[in-house]
N, C-alpha and C. Protein backbone atom coordinates (compact mmCIF):
# COMPACT_ATOMS: atom_id res chain seq x y z
N UNK A 1 -7.38 3.98 15.35
CA UNK A 1 -6.93 5.15 14.64
C UNK A 1 -7.98 5.60 13.62
N UNK A 2 -8.66 4.63 13.03
CA UNK A 2 -9.65 4.96 12.02
C UNK A 2 -10.82 5.72 12.64
N UNK A 3 -11.18 5.38 13.88
CA UNK A 3 -12.28 6.06 14.55
C UNK A 3 -11.95 7.53 14.80
N UNK A 4 -10.69 7.81 15.14
CA UNK A 4 -10.28 9.20 15.36
C UNK A 4 -10.35 9.99 14.07
N UNK A 5 -9.95 9.38 12.96
CA UNK A 5 -10.01 10.06 11.67
C UNK A 5 -11.45 10.36 11.29
N UNK A 6 -12.33 9.40 11.52
CA UNK A 6 -13.75 9.62 11.23
C UNK A 6 -14.31 10.74 12.09
N UNK A 7 -13.93 10.77 13.36
CA UNK A 7 -14.40 11.82 14.25
C UNK A 7 -13.95 13.19 13.77
N UNK A 8 -12.69 13.30 13.34
CA UNK A 8 -12.20 14.58 12.84
C UNK A 8 -12.93 15.00 11.57
N UNK A 9 -13.27 14.04 10.72
CA UNK A 9 -14.03 14.35 9.51
C UNK A 9 -15.42 14.86 9.87
N UNK A 10 -16.07 14.22 10.83
CA UNK A 10 -17.40 14.65 11.25
C UNK A 10 -17.35 16.04 11.89
N UNK A 11 -16.32 16.30 12.69
CA UNK A 11 -16.18 17.62 13.31
C UNK A 11 -15.95 18.68 12.24
N UNK A 12 -15.13 18.36 11.22
CA UNK A 12 -14.92 19.30 10.13
C UNK A 12 -16.22 19.57 9.39
N UNK A 13 -16.99 18.52 9.13
CA UNK A 13 -18.29 18.70 8.47
C UNK A 13 -19.22 19.57 9.29
N UNK A 14 -19.22 19.38 10.60
CA UNK A 14 -20.03 20.21 11.48
C UNK A 14 -19.59 21.66 11.43
N UNK A 15 -18.28 21.90 11.51
CA UNK A 15 -17.77 23.27 11.47
C UNK A 15 -18.08 23.93 10.13
N UNK A 16 -17.93 23.18 9.05
CA UNK A 16 -18.21 23.72 7.72
C UNK A 16 -19.69 24.04 7.57
N UNK A 17 -20.55 23.15 8.03
CA UNK A 17 -21.99 23.38 7.94
C UNK A 17 -22.41 24.60 8.75
N UNK A 18 -21.87 24.72 9.96
CA UNK A 18 -22.20 25.86 10.80
C UNK A 18 -21.70 27.16 10.18
N UNK A 19 -20.52 27.12 9.57
CA UNK A 19 -19.99 28.31 8.92
C UNK A 19 -20.86 28.72 7.74
N UNK A 20 -21.26 27.76 6.93
CA UNK A 20 -22.12 28.06 5.78
C UNK A 20 -23.45 28.65 6.26
N UNK A 21 -24.01 28.07 7.31
CA UNK A 21 -25.26 28.59 7.86
C UNK A 21 -25.10 30.03 8.34
N UNK A 22 -24.01 30.31 9.06
CA UNK A 22 -23.78 31.67 9.55
C UNK A 22 -23.53 32.66 8.41
N UNK A 23 -22.85 32.22 7.36
CA UNK A 23 -22.62 33.10 6.20
C UNK A 23 -23.94 33.40 5.50
N UNK A 24 -24.80 32.40 5.36
CA UNK A 24 -26.11 32.64 4.75
C UNK A 24 -26.91 33.62 5.59
N UNK A 25 -26.87 33.45 6.92
CA UNK A 25 -27.56 34.39 7.81
C UNK A 25 -26.98 35.79 7.64
N UNK A 26 -25.66 35.89 7.54
CA UNK A 26 -25.00 37.18 7.35
C UNK A 26 -25.45 37.82 6.04
N UNK A 27 -25.48 37.03 4.97
CA UNK A 27 -25.88 37.56 3.66
C UNK A 27 -27.36 37.93 3.63
N UNK A 28 -28.16 37.32 4.50
CA UNK A 28 -29.59 37.63 4.57
C UNK A 28 -29.84 38.98 5.25
N UNK A 29 -28.82 39.53 5.88
CA UNK A 29 -28.98 40.86 6.44
C UNK A 29 -28.89 40.96 7.95
N UNK A 30 -28.68 39.84 8.63
CA UNK A 30 -28.55 39.89 10.09
C UNK A 30 -27.22 40.56 10.43
N UNK A 31 -27.22 41.37 11.47
CA UNK A 31 -26.03 42.14 11.81
C UNK A 31 -25.03 41.31 12.61
N UNK A 32 -24.27 40.50 11.90
CA UNK A 32 -23.11 39.82 12.49
C UNK A 32 -21.93 40.13 11.58
N UNK A 33 -20.74 40.15 12.15
CA UNK A 33 -19.59 40.46 11.29
C UNK A 33 -19.01 39.17 10.71
N UNK A 34 -18.08 39.32 9.76
CA UNK A 34 -17.53 38.16 9.06
C UNK A 34 -16.69 37.29 9.98
N UNK A 35 -16.07 37.89 10.98
CA UNK A 35 -15.28 37.09 11.92
C UNK A 35 -16.17 36.08 12.64
N UNK A 36 -17.32 36.52 13.09
CA UNK A 36 -18.25 35.62 13.79
C UNK A 36 -18.77 34.56 12.82
N UNK A 37 -19.01 34.94 11.57
CA UNK A 37 -19.54 33.99 10.59
C UNK A 37 -18.54 32.88 10.28
N UNK A 38 -17.26 33.20 10.30
CA UNK A 38 -16.25 32.19 9.97
C UNK A 38 -15.59 31.59 11.21
N UNK A 39 -16.04 31.96 12.39
CA UNK A 39 -15.44 31.49 13.63
C UNK A 39 -15.38 29.96 13.78
N UNK A 40 -16.43 29.20 13.41
CA UNK A 40 -16.31 27.73 13.56
C UNK A 40 -15.14 27.14 12.78
N UNK A 41 -14.91 27.61 11.55
CA UNK A 41 -13.77 27.08 10.78
C UNK A 41 -12.45 27.54 11.36
N UNK A 42 -12.41 28.76 11.88
CA UNK A 42 -11.17 29.25 12.49
C UNK A 42 -10.82 28.44 13.73
N UNK A 43 -11.83 28.13 14.54
CA UNK A 43 -11.59 27.31 15.74
C UNK A 43 -11.12 25.92 15.34
N UNK A 44 -11.76 25.33 14.31
CA UNK A 44 -11.34 24.01 13.84
C UNK A 44 -9.89 24.03 13.37
N UNK A 45 -9.53 25.06 12.61
CA UNK A 45 -8.16 25.17 12.11
C UNK A 45 -7.17 25.32 13.26
N UNK A 46 -7.54 26.08 14.28
CA UNK A 46 -6.66 26.26 15.43
C UNK A 46 -6.47 24.94 16.18
N UNK A 47 -7.54 24.21 16.40
CA UNK A 47 -7.45 22.93 17.10
C UNK A 47 -6.60 21.95 16.31
N UNK A 48 -6.81 21.88 15.00
CA UNK A 48 -6.03 20.96 14.17
C UNK A 48 -4.56 21.35 14.17
N UNK A 49 -4.26 22.64 14.14
CA UNK A 49 -2.87 23.09 14.17
C UNK A 49 -2.18 22.68 15.46
N UNK A 50 -2.89 22.82 16.57
CA UNK A 50 -2.32 22.44 17.86
C UNK A 50 -2.09 20.93 17.92
N UNK A 51 -3.05 20.14 17.42
CA UNK A 51 -2.88 18.69 17.41
C UNK A 51 -1.72 18.26 16.52
N UNK A 52 -1.57 18.90 15.37
CA UNK A 52 -0.45 18.58 14.48
C UNK A 52 0.87 18.94 15.14
N UNK A 53 0.91 20.07 15.82
CA UNK A 53 2.13 20.48 16.52
C UNK A 53 2.51 19.48 17.60
N UNK A 54 1.53 19.06 18.40
CA UNK A 54 1.78 18.09 19.46
C UNK A 54 2.27 16.76 18.86
N UNK A 55 1.63 16.32 17.78
CA UNK A 55 2.05 15.09 17.12
C UNK A 55 3.46 15.17 16.56
N UNK A 56 3.80 16.31 16.00
CA UNK A 56 5.15 16.50 15.46
C UNK A 56 6.20 16.46 16.56
N UNK A 57 5.93 17.14 17.65
CA UNK A 57 6.87 17.14 18.77
C UNK A 57 7.03 15.73 19.33
N UNK A 58 5.91 15.02 19.48
CA UNK A 58 5.98 13.64 19.98
C UNK A 58 6.79 12.76 19.03
N UNK A 59 6.60 12.93 17.74
CA UNK A 59 7.36 12.15 16.76
C UNK A 59 8.85 12.44 16.82
N UNK A 60 9.21 13.70 16.99
CA UNK A 60 10.62 14.08 17.10
C UNK A 60 11.23 13.47 18.35
N UNK A 61 10.52 13.56 19.47
CA UNK A 61 11.03 13.01 20.73
C UNK A 61 11.21 11.50 20.62
N UNK A 62 10.24 10.80 20.03
CA UNK A 62 10.35 9.35 19.87
C UNK A 62 11.52 8.99 18.96
N UNK A 63 11.73 9.77 17.90
CA UNK A 63 12.84 9.52 16.99
C UNK A 63 14.18 9.71 17.70
N UNK A 64 14.29 10.75 18.49
CA UNK A 64 15.53 10.99 19.25
C UNK A 64 15.78 9.84 20.23
N UNK A 65 14.73 9.39 20.91
CA UNK A 65 14.89 8.29 21.86
C UNK A 65 15.35 7.01 21.16
N UNK A 66 14.79 6.72 19.99
CA UNK A 66 15.20 5.53 19.25
C UNK A 66 16.65 5.63 18.79
N UNK A 67 17.07 6.81 18.36
CA UNK A 67 18.45 6.99 17.90
C UNK A 67 19.45 6.90 19.05
N UNK A 68 19.04 7.32 20.24
CA UNK A 68 19.94 7.25 21.39
C UNK A 68 20.14 5.80 21.84
N UNK A 69 19.14 4.96 21.64
CA UNK A 69 19.25 3.55 22.04
C UNK A 69 20.19 2.79 21.11
N UNK A 70 20.26 3.24 19.90
CA UNK A 70 21.20 2.59 18.97
C UNK A 70 20.57 1.87 17.89
């Protein structure tokens, strides 16, 4: 479990670094819009939201199964 947490931290660091780099490029005058500049963080947030949703559903299902057993 600890390895997965470390991987998510590294992926977040990568997304944040890439976003900062793209924002600096945007501020330097390159013609990209703000959506493209923040896209790495938006993708990371979407992936994390989906993983949290899947984990929540799995937790609810497991809880229901345990309660049905008695």
